[in-house]
N, C-alpha and C. Protein backbone atom coordinates (compact mmCIF):
# COMPACT_ATOMS: atom_id res chain seq x y z
N MET A 1 20.78 2.35 -13.90
CA MET A 1 19.48 1.79 -14.28
C MET A 1 18.45 2.14 -13.20
N ILE A 2 17.31 2.63 -13.62
CA ILE A 2 16.23 2.96 -12.69
C ILE A 2 15.44 1.70 -12.40
N ARG A 3 15.36 1.36 -11.12
CA ARG A 3 14.64 0.15 -10.72
C ARG A 3 13.27 0.51 -10.18
N PRO A 4 12.27 -0.30 -10.50
CA PRO A 4 10.95 -0.09 -9.89
C PRO A 4 11.05 -0.32 -8.38
N GLN A 5 10.16 0.36 -7.65
CA GLN A 5 10.14 0.24 -6.20
C GLN A 5 8.74 -0.13 -5.74
N LEU A 6 8.67 -1.15 -4.92
CA LEU A 6 7.42 -1.55 -4.28
C LEU A 6 7.52 -1.14 -2.82
N VAL A 7 6.61 -0.27 -2.38
CA VAL A 7 6.59 0.21 -1.01
C VAL A 7 5.39 -0.40 -0.31
N VAL A 8 5.64 -1.04 0.84
CA VAL A 8 4.57 -1.63 1.64
C VAL A 8 4.36 -0.74 2.86
N MET A 9 3.16 -0.18 2.98
CA MET A 9 2.81 0.69 4.11
C MET A 9 2.42 -0.20 5.29
N LEU A 10 3.13 -0.06 6.42
CA LEU A 10 2.90 -0.92 7.58
C LEU A 10 2.86 -0.13 8.88
N LYS A 11 1.99 -0.56 9.76
CA LYS A 11 2.00 -0.09 11.14
C LYS A 11 2.50 -1.23 12.00
N LEU A 12 3.10 -0.90 13.13
CA LEU A 12 3.51 -1.96 14.05
C LEU A 12 2.28 -2.72 14.52
N PRO A 13 2.38 -4.04 14.65
CA PRO A 13 1.21 -4.84 15.01
C PRO A 13 0.91 -4.84 16.51
N HIS A 14 0.60 -3.66 17.03
CA HIS A 14 0.24 -3.53 18.44
C HIS A 14 -1.28 -3.50 18.56
N PRO A 15 -1.85 -4.29 19.48
CA PRO A 15 -3.31 -4.30 19.67
C PRO A 15 -3.87 -2.90 19.90
N GLY A 16 -4.92 -2.58 19.16
CA GLY A 16 -5.56 -1.28 19.28
C GLY A 16 -4.94 -0.20 18.43
N GLN A 17 -3.80 -0.51 17.76
CA GLN A 17 -3.13 0.50 16.93
C GLN A 17 -3.07 0.11 15.46
N VAL A 18 -3.51 -1.11 15.15
CA VAL A 18 -3.49 -1.60 13.78
C VAL A 18 -4.76 -2.42 13.55
N LYS A 19 -5.33 -2.32 12.36
CA LYS A 19 -6.53 -3.09 11.98
C LYS A 19 -7.63 -2.94 13.04
N THR A 20 -7.93 -1.69 13.40
CA THR A 20 -8.91 -1.46 14.47
C THR A 20 -10.33 -1.81 14.05
N ARG A 21 -10.69 -1.64 12.77
CA ARG A 21 -12.04 -2.07 12.35
C ARG A 21 -12.17 -3.58 12.46
N LEU A 22 -11.14 -4.31 12.06
CA LEU A 22 -11.13 -5.75 12.23
C LEU A 22 -11.15 -6.10 13.72
N GLY A 23 -10.40 -5.35 14.51
CA GLY A 23 -10.34 -5.58 15.95
C GLY A 23 -11.67 -5.41 16.64
N ARG A 24 -12.51 -4.53 16.14
CA ARG A 24 -13.84 -4.37 16.73
C ARG A 24 -14.68 -5.63 16.51
N ASP A 25 -14.37 -6.37 15.45
CA ASP A 25 -15.11 -7.60 15.15
C ASP A 25 -14.54 -8.82 15.86
N ILE A 26 -13.22 -8.94 15.91
CA ILE A 26 -12.61 -10.18 16.43
C ILE A 26 -11.76 -9.97 17.67
N GLY A 27 -11.61 -8.74 18.11
CA GLY A 27 -10.76 -8.44 19.25
C GLY A 27 -9.45 -7.82 18.77
N MET A 28 -8.97 -6.85 19.51
CA MET A 28 -7.77 -6.12 19.10
C MET A 28 -6.52 -7.00 19.10
N VAL A 29 -6.38 -7.89 20.08
CA VAL A 29 -5.21 -8.77 20.12
C VAL A 29 -5.21 -9.71 18.92
N ASP A 30 -6.36 -10.30 18.62
CA ASP A 30 -6.45 -11.21 17.47
C ASP A 30 -6.20 -10.47 16.15
N ALA A 31 -6.69 -9.25 16.04
CA ALA A 31 -6.48 -8.47 14.82
C ALA A 31 -5.00 -8.15 14.63
N ALA A 32 -4.31 -7.77 15.70
CA ALA A 32 -2.88 -7.49 15.61
C ALA A 32 -2.10 -8.76 15.27
N TRP A 33 -2.48 -9.89 15.88
CA TRP A 33 -1.83 -11.16 15.57
C TRP A 33 -2.03 -11.51 14.10
N TRP A 34 -3.27 -11.38 13.61
CA TRP A 34 -3.55 -11.68 12.21
C TRP A 34 -2.69 -10.81 11.29
N PHE A 35 -2.62 -9.51 11.58
CA PHE A 35 -1.87 -8.59 10.74
C PHE A 35 -0.39 -8.96 10.71
N ARG A 36 0.17 -9.23 11.88
CA ARG A 36 1.60 -9.56 11.94
C ARG A 36 1.92 -10.77 11.05
N HIS A 37 1.12 -11.81 11.14
CA HIS A 37 1.37 -13.02 10.36
C HIS A 37 1.00 -12.85 8.89
N GLN A 38 -0.02 -12.08 8.62
CA GLN A 38 -0.39 -11.78 7.23
C GLN A 38 0.74 -11.03 6.53
N VAL A 39 1.31 -10.04 7.21
CA VAL A 39 2.40 -9.26 6.60
C VAL A 39 3.61 -10.14 6.32
N LYS A 40 3.95 -11.03 7.22
CA LYS A 40 5.09 -11.92 6.97
C LYS A 40 4.87 -12.75 5.71
N ARG A 41 3.65 -13.28 5.55
CA ARG A 41 3.34 -14.06 4.33
C ARG A 41 3.41 -13.17 3.09
N LEU A 42 2.83 -11.98 3.18
CA LEU A 42 2.81 -11.06 2.05
C LEU A 42 4.23 -10.69 1.63
N LEU A 43 5.09 -10.36 2.58
CA LEU A 43 6.45 -9.95 2.24
C LEU A 43 7.22 -11.08 1.56
N ARG A 44 7.01 -12.30 1.98
CA ARG A 44 7.66 -13.44 1.31
C ARG A 44 7.19 -13.55 -0.15
N ARG A 45 5.91 -13.30 -0.38
CA ARG A 45 5.36 -13.46 -1.73
C ARG A 45 5.74 -12.32 -2.68
N VAL A 46 5.99 -11.12 -2.16
CA VAL A 46 6.27 -9.99 -3.06
C VAL A 46 7.74 -9.58 -3.10
N ASP A 47 8.59 -10.23 -2.29
CA ASP A 47 10.03 -9.94 -2.33
C ASP A 47 10.58 -10.60 -3.59
N ASP A 48 10.94 -9.80 -4.57
CA ASP A 48 11.26 -10.29 -5.91
C ASP A 48 12.44 -9.50 -6.46
N PRO A 49 13.37 -10.14 -7.15
CA PRO A 49 14.55 -9.41 -7.65
C PRO A 49 14.24 -8.40 -8.76
N ARG A 50 13.02 -8.40 -9.29
CA ARG A 50 12.69 -7.47 -10.36
C ARG A 50 12.43 -6.05 -9.86
N TRP A 51 12.27 -5.86 -8.55
CA TRP A 51 12.04 -4.52 -7.99
C TRP A 51 12.64 -4.44 -6.60
N ASP A 52 12.81 -3.21 -6.14
CA ASP A 52 13.27 -2.96 -4.77
C ASP A 52 12.05 -2.95 -3.86
N LEU A 53 12.13 -3.67 -2.76
CA LEU A 53 11.06 -3.74 -1.78
C LEU A 53 11.45 -2.89 -0.57
N VAL A 54 10.58 -1.93 -0.22
CA VAL A 54 10.85 -0.99 0.86
C VAL A 54 9.64 -0.98 1.79
N LEU A 55 9.90 -0.91 3.10
CA LEU A 55 8.82 -0.82 4.08
C LEU A 55 8.68 0.62 4.53
N ALA A 56 7.47 1.17 4.40
CA ALA A 56 7.15 2.50 4.94
C ALA A 56 6.44 2.25 6.25
N VAL A 57 7.10 2.57 7.36
CA VAL A 57 6.64 2.14 8.67
C VAL A 57 6.09 3.28 9.51
N ALA A 58 5.18 2.91 10.41
CA ALA A 58 4.61 3.84 11.38
C ALA A 58 4.41 3.06 12.68
N PRO A 59 4.57 3.69 13.81
CA PRO A 59 5.04 5.06 13.97
C PRO A 59 6.49 5.20 13.49
N ASP A 60 6.83 6.41 13.09
CA ASP A 60 8.10 6.64 12.41
C ASP A 60 9.32 6.13 13.18
N VAL A 61 9.49 6.55 14.42
CA VAL A 61 10.70 6.19 15.16
C VAL A 61 10.68 4.73 15.58
N ALA A 62 9.63 4.29 16.24
CA ALA A 62 9.55 2.91 16.70
C ALA A 62 9.55 1.93 15.53
N GLY A 63 8.87 2.28 14.44
CA GLY A 63 8.81 1.41 13.28
C GLY A 63 10.16 1.21 12.63
N MET A 64 11.00 2.22 12.67
CA MET A 64 12.33 2.11 12.07
C MET A 64 13.21 1.12 12.85
N ARG A 65 12.97 0.98 14.15
CA ARG A 65 13.80 0.12 14.99
C ARG A 65 13.17 -1.26 15.24
N ALA A 66 11.92 -1.44 14.91
CA ALA A 66 11.19 -2.66 15.26
C ALA A 66 11.83 -3.90 14.65
N ARG A 67 11.84 -4.97 15.43
CA ARG A 67 12.41 -6.24 14.97
C ARG A 67 11.36 -7.17 14.38
N VAL A 68 10.12 -6.72 14.36
CA VAL A 68 9.04 -7.59 13.90
C VAL A 68 9.09 -7.83 12.38
N TRP A 69 9.65 -6.88 11.61
CA TRP A 69 9.73 -7.02 10.16
C TRP A 69 11.13 -7.49 9.76
N PRO A 70 11.27 -8.13 8.60
CA PRO A 70 12.58 -8.65 8.19
C PRO A 70 13.66 -7.56 8.17
N ALA A 71 14.80 -7.88 8.78
CA ALA A 71 15.89 -6.91 8.92
C ALA A 71 16.53 -6.53 7.59
N HIS A 72 16.47 -7.41 6.59
CA HIS A 72 17.14 -7.12 5.32
C HIS A 72 16.40 -6.10 4.46
N LEU A 73 15.17 -5.78 4.81
CA LEU A 73 14.39 -4.84 4.00
C LEU A 73 14.58 -3.41 4.50
N PRO A 74 14.90 -2.48 3.58
CA PRO A 74 15.06 -1.09 4.00
C PRO A 74 13.73 -0.51 4.46
N ARG A 75 13.82 0.46 5.37
CA ARG A 75 12.64 1.09 5.95
C ARG A 75 12.73 2.60 5.80
N ILE A 76 11.55 3.17 5.59
CA ILE A 76 11.44 4.63 5.59
C ILE A 76 10.26 4.98 6.49
N PRO A 77 10.29 6.15 7.12
CA PRO A 77 9.14 6.55 7.93
C PRO A 77 7.98 6.98 7.03
N GLN A 78 6.75 6.68 7.46
CA GLN A 78 5.57 7.11 6.71
C GLN A 78 5.37 8.61 6.81
N GLY A 79 5.73 9.21 7.93
CA GLY A 79 5.48 10.62 8.13
C GLY A 79 4.10 10.83 8.73
N SER A 80 3.68 12.07 8.75
CA SER A 80 2.41 12.42 9.41
C SER A 80 1.31 12.66 8.39
N GLY A 81 0.10 12.83 8.91
CA GLY A 81 -1.04 13.14 8.07
C GLY A 81 -1.93 11.93 7.85
N ASP A 82 -2.99 12.14 7.06
CA ASP A 82 -3.88 11.03 6.75
C ASP A 82 -3.20 10.10 5.75
N LEU A 83 -3.86 9.01 5.41
CA LEU A 83 -3.27 8.03 4.51
C LEU A 83 -2.83 8.66 3.19
N GLY A 84 -3.66 9.54 2.64
CA GLY A 84 -3.31 10.18 1.38
C GLY A 84 -2.07 11.05 1.48
N GLN A 85 -1.94 11.80 2.54
CA GLN A 85 -0.76 12.64 2.73
C GLN A 85 0.50 11.79 2.88
N ARG A 86 0.36 10.67 3.60
CA ARG A 86 1.51 9.79 3.78
C ARG A 86 1.90 9.11 2.47
N MET A 87 0.92 8.65 1.69
CA MET A 87 1.24 8.00 0.41
C MET A 87 1.82 9.01 -0.57
N ALA A 88 1.27 10.21 -0.63
CA ALA A 88 1.81 11.24 -1.51
C ALA A 88 3.25 11.57 -1.12
N GLY A 89 3.51 11.63 0.19
CA GLY A 89 4.87 11.88 0.65
C GLY A 89 5.85 10.80 0.20
N VAL A 90 5.41 9.55 0.28
CA VAL A 90 6.24 8.45 -0.20
C VAL A 90 6.51 8.62 -1.69
N MET A 91 5.48 8.91 -2.47
CA MET A 91 5.65 9.09 -3.92
C MET A 91 6.63 10.21 -4.23
N ARG A 92 6.60 11.27 -3.44
CA ARG A 92 7.47 12.43 -3.71
C ARG A 92 8.91 12.21 -3.27
N THR A 93 9.16 11.35 -2.30
CA THR A 93 10.50 11.26 -1.73
C THR A 93 11.31 10.05 -2.17
N ARG A 94 10.72 9.13 -2.89
CA ARG A 94 11.47 7.96 -3.36
C ARG A 94 12.39 8.37 -4.51
N PRO A 95 13.49 7.63 -4.71
CA PRO A 95 14.37 7.91 -5.85
C PRO A 95 13.59 7.80 -7.17
N PRO A 96 14.10 8.36 -8.24
CA PRO A 96 13.39 8.36 -9.53
C PRO A 96 13.00 6.96 -9.99
N GLY A 97 11.90 6.92 -10.73
CA GLY A 97 11.43 5.67 -11.31
C GLY A 97 10.04 5.30 -10.83
N PRO A 98 9.49 4.23 -11.38
CA PRO A 98 8.14 3.82 -11.02
C PRO A 98 8.06 3.34 -9.57
N VAL A 99 6.97 3.73 -8.91
CA VAL A 99 6.72 3.33 -7.52
C VAL A 99 5.30 2.81 -7.42
N CYS A 100 5.15 1.65 -6.80
CA CYS A 100 3.84 1.12 -6.43
C CYS A 100 3.78 1.01 -4.92
N ILE A 101 2.62 1.33 -4.37
CA ILE A 101 2.39 1.26 -2.93
C ILE A 101 1.26 0.28 -2.67
N ILE A 102 1.49 -0.60 -1.68
CA ILE A 102 0.44 -1.52 -1.23
C ILE A 102 0.38 -1.48 0.30
N GLY A 103 -0.66 -2.07 0.85
CA GLY A 103 -0.75 -2.28 2.28
C GLY A 103 -0.37 -3.72 2.60
N GLY A 104 -0.38 -4.05 3.87
CA GLY A 104 0.01 -5.39 4.29
C GLY A 104 -1.15 -6.34 4.48
N ASP A 105 -2.37 -5.91 4.14
CA ASP A 105 -3.57 -6.68 4.47
C ASP A 105 -4.27 -7.29 3.26
N ILE A 106 -3.48 -7.80 2.30
CA ILE A 106 -4.02 -8.33 1.05
C ILE A 106 -3.67 -9.82 0.95
N PRO A 107 -4.53 -10.71 1.43
CA PRO A 107 -4.19 -12.13 1.46
C PRO A 107 -3.91 -12.76 0.09
N GLY A 108 -4.57 -12.30 -0.96
CA GLY A 108 -4.44 -12.94 -2.26
C GLY A 108 -3.31 -12.43 -3.13
N ILE A 109 -2.50 -11.55 -2.64
CA ILE A 109 -1.46 -10.93 -3.47
C ILE A 109 -0.31 -11.88 -3.74
N ASP A 110 0.31 -11.69 -4.91
CA ASP A 110 1.47 -12.47 -5.30
C ASP A 110 2.35 -11.57 -6.16
N SER A 111 3.58 -11.99 -6.40
CA SER A 111 4.48 -11.18 -7.22
C SER A 111 3.95 -10.99 -8.64
N VAL A 112 3.11 -11.90 -9.12
CA VAL A 112 2.52 -11.76 -10.46
C VAL A 112 1.68 -10.48 -10.53
N HIS A 113 0.94 -10.17 -9.46
CA HIS A 113 0.12 -8.95 -9.44
C HIS A 113 1.00 -7.70 -9.48
N ILE A 114 2.10 -7.74 -8.76
CA ILE A 114 3.00 -6.58 -8.72
C ILE A 114 3.66 -6.41 -10.09
N ALA A 115 4.10 -7.50 -10.70
CA ALA A 115 4.70 -7.42 -12.03
C ALA A 115 3.71 -6.84 -13.04
N ARG A 116 2.44 -7.23 -12.92
CA ARG A 116 1.41 -6.71 -13.82
C ARG A 116 1.24 -5.19 -13.63
N ALA A 117 1.33 -4.73 -12.39
CA ALA A 117 1.20 -3.30 -12.12
C ALA A 117 2.37 -2.52 -12.73
N PHE A 118 3.58 -3.00 -12.53
CA PHE A 118 4.74 -2.31 -13.11
C PHE A 118 4.69 -2.35 -14.64
N ALA A 119 4.24 -3.45 -15.21
CA ALA A 119 4.11 -3.54 -16.67
C ALA A 119 3.09 -2.51 -17.17
N ALA A 120 2.00 -2.32 -16.44
CA ALA A 120 0.98 -1.34 -16.84
C ALA A 120 1.54 0.07 -16.85
N LEU A 121 2.50 0.35 -15.99
CA LEU A 121 3.10 1.69 -15.96
C LEU A 121 3.96 1.97 -17.18
N GLY A 122 4.26 0.94 -17.97
CA GLY A 122 4.99 1.16 -19.21
C GLY A 122 4.22 2.03 -20.19
N GLY A 123 2.90 1.90 -20.21
CA GLY A 123 2.07 2.66 -21.14
C GLY A 123 1.09 3.60 -20.46
N HIS A 124 1.20 3.75 -19.15
CA HIS A 124 0.27 4.59 -18.40
C HIS A 124 1.03 5.44 -17.37
N ASP A 125 0.39 6.51 -16.93
CA ASP A 125 1.00 7.37 -15.91
C ASP A 125 0.78 6.84 -14.51
N ALA A 126 -0.32 6.12 -14.33
CA ALA A 126 -0.69 5.60 -13.01
C ALA A 126 -1.37 4.26 -13.17
N VAL A 127 -1.39 3.51 -12.07
CA VAL A 127 -2.06 2.22 -12.06
C VAL A 127 -2.74 2.04 -10.71
N PHE A 128 -3.92 1.43 -10.74
CA PHE A 128 -4.65 1.10 -9.51
C PHE A 128 -5.05 -0.37 -9.56
N GLY A 129 -5.04 -0.98 -8.38
CA GLY A 129 -5.60 -2.30 -8.20
C GLY A 129 -6.80 -2.15 -7.29
N PRO A 130 -8.01 -2.20 -7.82
CA PRO A 130 -9.20 -1.95 -7.01
C PRO A 130 -9.51 -3.11 -6.06
N ALA A 131 -10.24 -2.77 -5.02
CA ALA A 131 -10.76 -3.75 -4.06
C ALA A 131 -12.27 -3.79 -4.20
N PRO A 132 -12.92 -4.90 -3.87
CA PRO A 132 -14.37 -5.01 -4.04
C PRO A 132 -15.17 -4.02 -3.19
N ASP A 133 -14.58 -3.47 -2.14
CA ASP A 133 -15.31 -2.57 -1.24
C ASP A 133 -15.29 -1.10 -1.68
N GLY A 134 -14.73 -0.81 -2.86
CA GLY A 134 -14.67 0.57 -3.34
C GLY A 134 -13.35 1.25 -3.04
N GLY A 135 -12.48 0.56 -2.37
CA GLY A 135 -11.12 1.07 -2.13
C GLY A 135 -10.16 0.48 -3.15
N TYR A 136 -8.90 0.40 -2.78
CA TYR A 136 -7.92 -0.21 -3.67
C TYR A 136 -6.77 -0.77 -2.85
N TRP A 137 -6.13 -1.79 -3.41
CA TRP A 137 -5.03 -2.47 -2.73
C TRP A 137 -3.67 -2.01 -3.24
N LEU A 138 -3.64 -1.35 -4.39
CA LEU A 138 -2.38 -0.89 -4.99
C LEU A 138 -2.61 0.42 -5.71
N VAL A 139 -1.63 1.30 -5.61
CA VAL A 139 -1.56 2.48 -6.45
C VAL A 139 -0.12 2.63 -6.88
N GLY A 140 0.07 2.99 -8.14
CA GLY A 140 1.42 3.18 -8.65
C GLY A 140 1.49 4.38 -9.57
N LEU A 141 2.64 5.00 -9.60
CA LEU A 141 2.88 6.12 -10.51
C LEU A 141 4.17 5.87 -11.29
N LYS A 142 4.15 6.26 -12.56
CA LYS A 142 5.33 6.14 -13.40
C LYS A 142 6.41 7.12 -12.94
N ARG A 143 6.01 8.31 -12.51
CA ARG A 143 6.88 9.34 -11.97
C ARG A 143 7.96 9.79 -12.95
N VAL A 144 7.56 10.17 -14.16
CA VAL A 144 8.52 10.73 -15.11
C VAL A 144 8.60 12.24 -14.96
N GLY A 145 7.61 12.84 -14.33
CA GLY A 145 7.62 14.26 -14.02
C GLY A 145 7.30 14.45 -12.55
N ALA A 146 6.93 15.65 -12.22
CA ALA A 146 6.59 15.95 -10.82
C ALA A 146 5.33 15.19 -10.41
N VAL A 147 5.30 14.76 -9.16
CA VAL A 147 4.10 14.13 -8.61
C VAL A 147 3.03 15.21 -8.47
N PRO A 148 1.81 14.98 -8.93
CA PRO A 148 0.76 16.01 -8.87
C PRO A 148 0.59 16.58 -7.46
N SER A 149 0.44 17.89 -7.38
CA SER A 149 0.36 18.56 -6.07
C SER A 149 -0.89 18.17 -5.30
N GLY A 150 -1.98 17.85 -5.97
CA GLY A 150 -3.22 17.50 -5.28
C GLY A 150 -3.42 16.01 -5.09
N LEU A 151 -2.35 15.24 -5.26
CA LEU A 151 -2.46 13.79 -5.19
C LEU A 151 -3.05 13.34 -3.86
N PHE A 152 -4.12 12.57 -3.92
CA PHE A 152 -4.82 11.97 -2.77
C PHE A 152 -5.45 13.00 -1.83
N GLN A 153 -5.69 14.21 -2.29
CA GLN A 153 -6.39 15.19 -1.45
C GLN A 153 -7.89 15.01 -1.60
N ASP A 154 -8.60 15.23 -0.52
CA ASP A 154 -10.07 15.14 -0.49
C ASP A 154 -10.59 13.74 -0.84
N VAL A 155 -9.84 12.73 -0.48
CA VAL A 155 -10.28 11.35 -0.68
C VAL A 155 -11.05 10.91 0.56
N ARG A 156 -12.20 10.29 0.32
CA ARG A 156 -12.99 9.75 1.44
C ARG A 156 -12.48 8.35 1.75
N TRP A 157 -11.47 8.30 2.63
CA TRP A 157 -10.83 7.04 2.99
C TRP A 157 -11.79 6.14 3.73
N SER A 158 -11.56 4.84 3.65
CA SER A 158 -12.39 3.83 4.33
C SER A 158 -13.85 3.94 3.91
N SER A 159 -14.07 4.26 2.65
CA SER A 159 -15.43 4.37 2.13
C SER A 159 -15.48 3.74 0.74
N THR A 160 -16.69 3.62 0.22
CA THR A 160 -16.86 3.08 -1.13
C THR A 160 -16.39 4.06 -2.20
N HIS A 161 -15.97 5.26 -1.79
CA HIS A 161 -15.55 6.30 -2.74
C HIS A 161 -14.03 6.44 -2.85
N ALA A 162 -13.27 5.71 -2.06
CA ALA A 162 -11.81 5.91 -2.00
C ALA A 162 -11.15 5.72 -3.37
N PHE A 163 -11.55 4.69 -4.12
CA PHE A 163 -10.96 4.43 -5.43
C PHE A 163 -11.29 5.56 -6.41
N SER A 164 -12.55 5.89 -6.54
CA SER A 164 -12.94 6.94 -7.50
C SER A 164 -12.39 8.30 -7.09
N ASP A 165 -12.40 8.61 -5.80
CA ASP A 165 -11.84 9.88 -5.33
C ASP A 165 -10.35 9.97 -5.64
N SER A 166 -9.63 8.87 -5.43
CA SER A 166 -8.18 8.87 -5.68
C SER A 166 -7.88 9.03 -7.17
N MET A 167 -8.65 8.34 -8.01
CA MET A 167 -8.45 8.50 -9.46
C MET A 167 -8.71 9.94 -9.89
N ALA A 168 -9.66 10.60 -9.24
CA ALA A 168 -9.99 11.99 -9.59
C ALA A 168 -8.85 12.96 -9.26
N THR A 169 -7.90 12.55 -8.41
CA THR A 169 -6.77 13.43 -8.09
C THR A 169 -5.69 13.37 -9.16
N LEU A 170 -5.95 12.61 -10.23
CA LEU A 170 -4.99 12.47 -11.34
C LEU A 170 -5.62 12.88 -12.67
N PRO A 171 -6.19 14.10 -12.74
CA PRO A 171 -6.87 14.50 -13.98
C PRO A 171 -5.90 14.56 -15.17
N GLY A 172 -6.39 14.08 -16.30
CA GLY A 172 -5.60 14.13 -17.52
C GLY A 172 -4.51 13.08 -17.61
N ARG A 173 -4.39 12.23 -16.62
CA ARG A 173 -3.36 11.19 -16.64
C ARG A 173 -3.94 9.90 -17.21
N ARG A 174 -3.09 9.14 -17.89
CA ARG A 174 -3.49 7.82 -18.39
C ARG A 174 -3.41 6.83 -17.23
N ILE A 175 -4.55 6.25 -16.87
CA ILE A 175 -4.64 5.38 -15.70
C ILE A 175 -5.00 3.96 -16.13
N ALA A 176 -4.21 3.00 -15.67
CA ALA A 176 -4.51 1.58 -15.89
C ALA A 176 -5.17 1.03 -14.63
N VAL A 177 -6.07 0.08 -14.83
CA VAL A 177 -6.70 -0.62 -13.71
C VAL A 177 -6.40 -2.11 -13.89
N ILE A 178 -5.80 -2.71 -12.87
CA ILE A 178 -5.44 -4.12 -12.95
C ILE A 178 -6.38 -4.94 -12.06
N ASP A 179 -5.93 -6.11 -11.66
CA ASP A 179 -6.73 -7.08 -10.91
C ASP A 179 -7.46 -6.48 -9.70
N THR A 180 -8.65 -6.99 -9.45
CA THR A 180 -9.37 -6.68 -8.22
C THR A 180 -8.97 -7.71 -7.18
N LEU A 181 -8.44 -7.24 -6.05
CA LEU A 181 -8.08 -8.11 -4.93
C LEU A 181 -8.75 -7.60 -3.66
N ARG A 182 -8.97 -8.49 -2.75
CA ARG A 182 -9.63 -8.18 -1.48
C ARG A 182 -8.58 -7.79 -0.45
N ASP A 183 -8.84 -6.69 0.27
CA ASP A 183 -8.05 -6.38 1.45
C ASP A 183 -8.92 -6.71 2.66
N VAL A 184 -8.33 -6.76 3.82
CA VAL A 184 -9.08 -7.17 5.01
C VAL A 184 -9.24 -5.99 5.95
N ASP A 185 -10.49 -5.56 6.11
CA ASP A 185 -10.81 -4.49 7.04
C ASP A 185 -11.72 -4.95 8.17
N THR A 186 -12.53 -5.99 7.90
CA THR A 186 -13.51 -6.47 8.87
C THR A 186 -13.49 -7.99 8.92
N ALA A 187 -14.20 -8.57 9.87
CA ALA A 187 -14.28 -10.03 9.97
C ALA A 187 -14.93 -10.63 8.73
N ALA A 188 -15.87 -9.94 8.12
CA ALA A 188 -16.51 -10.43 6.89
C ALA A 188 -15.47 -10.58 5.78
N ASP A 189 -14.46 -9.71 5.75
CA ASP A 189 -13.41 -9.81 4.74
C ASP A 189 -12.54 -11.05 4.94
N LEU A 190 -12.38 -11.49 6.18
CA LEU A 190 -11.61 -12.69 6.45
C LEU A 190 -12.28 -13.93 5.87
N ALA A 191 -13.59 -13.93 5.85
CA ALA A 191 -14.34 -15.08 5.33
C ALA A 191 -14.30 -15.14 3.81
N GLY A 192 -14.10 -13.99 3.15
CA GLY A 192 -14.13 -13.93 1.69
C GLY A 192 -12.98 -14.51 1.09
């Protein structure tokens, strides 16, 4: 039986190496602390028997050995490149079946949102969960054929164009759009 896979993209919560835009607003130590505790809450909420939960960690070597994340969850290295190259690599290397990717900085997420995304892949090739800032908190692919070669290329990351640019890398595909959720990039996002 092919099981859906939820992959959470994570960086180690070291000050100055994670949530740096947030860190510029509240301090790098506070941003790393927030991320570490946010991820723990998120993982508890999305760890569900309906799908396999996998952590894609960075940096590759240190992230694989880190004790900060739950030991029972399998880990894979994110690899190199920009966010799009790393996400495309995850999509290409996971075992067959539907894959959804999220980040660890989504305070409002729950397993209901993930279930909705996997359900949308039943009738669509891809699914996105948009964020109010023009980005997105989730992307998923049904993966019944080859992953598109141009997936996530030429995306203007950390901009109001990230969502539309990413959708444009899937021409001719049936795309579902689910709930809009907020991710946290700046101090203003914490207040929302």
